[in-house]
Amino acid sequence: MPRVTFVSRMTVKPGREAEFVRRCKALTEIVHATEPGTIWYQFFKLREPRRYAVVESFESQAAEDAHMSSPALAEHGPGIVDCLDGPYVREYLDPFEAP
C-alpha cells in the first residue's frame, strides 16, 4: 500500500498560541516514541500571524489509521482543535509517478 503524506494548515485563535504549541509538542513526542509507521511528523510556524502547519507522512494507510485512532491523538487532539480559529485545511502530497 502506498505512503500517505499531507500538510495541514491552520490558524490559531488569538491568545492561544502558547497553549497550541505546548499541546502540539506533547503530541509530537508521543508520536515519535510510539508510532513506528510514522515517517515524518512535525509542526511548523508559518510566516503569517497565528498560522501553523503540520506535515505528516505515514508508511501506509494502515499507519495513518493507527495514528488517527491512537490514544495520544484522542488525548491531545481535542485540545489542539479547540485552539484553532476555524477548520484546518489538509492537502495530500503524492509522489510523482515513474516516467
Protein backbone atom coordinates (compact mmCIF):
# COMPACT_ATOMS: atom_id res chain seq x y z
CA MET A 1 0.00 0.00 0.00
CA PRO A 2 1.41 3.46 -0.86
CA ARG A 3 2.69 6.04 1.58
CA VAL A 4 0.24 8.68 2.86
CA THR A 5 1.65 12.22 3.15
CA PHE A 6 -0.11 15.52 3.72
CA VAL A 7 0.25 19.02 5.08
CA SER A 8 -2.48 20.56 7.22
CA ARG A 9 -2.59 24.34 7.55
CA MET A 10 -4.39 26.06 10.39
CA THR A 11 -4.95 29.37 12.17
CA VAL A 12 -4.82 29.58 15.96
CA LYS A 13 -7.20 31.74 17.99
CA PRO A 14 -5.72 34.97 19.37
CA GLY A 15 -4.11 34.39 22.75
CA ARG A 16 -3.99 30.59 22.37
CA GLU A 17 -0.65 30.20 20.58
CA ALA A 18 1.41 29.17 23.63
CA GLU A 19 -1.16 26.51 24.56
CA PHE A 20 -1.35 25.29 20.97
CA VAL A 21 2.44 24.94 20.73
CA ARG A 22 2.64 23.16 24.09
CA ARG A 23 -0.05 20.67 23.09
CA CYS A 24 1.50 20.05 19.65
CA LYS A 25 4.94 19.43 21.16
CA ALA A 26 3.48 16.93 23.64
CA LEU A 27 1.67 15.05 20.87
CA THR A 28 4.74 15.07 18.61
CA GLU A 29 6.91 13.50 21.33
CA ILE A 30 4.45 10.65 21.79
CA VAL A 31 4.02 10.08 18.05
CA HIS A 32 7.79 9.86 17.57
CA ALA A 33 8.15 7.45 20.50
CA THR A 34 5.20 5.14 19.86
CA GLU A 35 4.20 5.12 16.19
CA PRO A 36 6.75 3.18 14.14
CA GLY A 37 4.71 3.56 10.93
CA THR A 38 5.18 7.32 11.04
CA ILE A 39 7.87 8.52 8.63
CA TRP A 40 7.56 12.27 9.33
CA TYR A 41 5.52 14.23 11.85
CA GLN A 42 6.38 17.85 12.54
CA PHE A 43 4.58 21.10 13.26
CA PHE A 44 5.77 24.40 11.78
CA LYS A 45 5.03 28.07 12.44
CA LEU A 46 4.16 29.79 9.19
CA ARG A 47 5.19 33.37 8.49
CA GLU A 48 1.66 34.75 8.65
CA PRO A 49 0.38 35.72 12.12
CA ARG A 50 -1.16 32.83 14.09
CA ARG A 51 -0.69 30.42 11.16
CA TYR A 52 0.75 26.93 11.61
CA ALA A 53 1.10 23.71 9.65
CA VAL A 54 1.82 20.08 10.36
CA VAL A 55 3.47 17.75 7.86
CA GLU A 56 2.59 14.10 8.35
CA SER A 57 3.85 11.12 6.42
CA PHE A 58 2.95 7.51 7.12
CA GLU A 59 4.31 4.36 5.51
CA SER A 60 0.78 3.20 4.68
CA GLN A 61 -2.90 3.99 5.07
CA ALA A 62 -2.94 1.50 7.95
CA ALA A 63 -0.24 3.51 9.75
CA GLU A 64 -2.23 6.72 9.30
CA ASP A 65 -5.37 4.96 10.54
CA ALA A 66 -3.42 3.77 13.60
CA HIS A 67 -2.31 7.35 14.27
CA MET A 68 -5.83 8.73 13.84
CA SER A 69 -7.20 6.18 16.35
CA SER A 70 -4.26 6.39 18.78
CA PRO A 71 -4.69 7.14 22.49
CA ALA A 72 -2.24 10.05 22.10
CA LEU A 73 -4.37 11.75 19.45
CA ALA A 74 -7.52 11.06 21.49
CA GLU A 75 -5.84 12.74 24.47
CA HIS A 76 -4.23 15.74 22.76
CA GLY A 77 -6.24 16.24 19.57
CA PRO A 78 -9.36 17.84 21.10
CA GLY A 79 -7.26 20.45 22.93
CA ILE A 80 -5.32 21.24 19.76
CA VAL A 81 -8.52 21.60 17.73
CA ASP A 82 -10.04 23.81 20.44
CA CYS A 83 -7.14 26.26 19.92
CA LEU A 84 -7.97 26.63 16.22
CA ASP A 85 -9.72 29.61 14.70
CA GLY A 86 -11.78 27.79 12.08
CA PRO A 87 -11.15 24.48 10.35
CA TYR A 88 -7.76 23.22 9.24
CA VAL A 89 -7.12 22.51 5.57
CA ARG A 90 -5.45 19.21 4.63
CA GLU A 91 -3.55 18.91 1.33
CA TYR A 92 -2.31 15.49 0.23
CA LEU A 93 1.15 15.21 -1.27
CA ASP A 94 1.60 12.39 -3.76
CA PRO A 95 4.96 11.42 -5.27
CA PHE A 96 5.49 11.81 -8.99
CA GLU A 97 4.60 8.74 -10.97
CA ALA A 98 7.53 6.98 -12.59
CA PRO A 99 8.23 8.44 -16.05
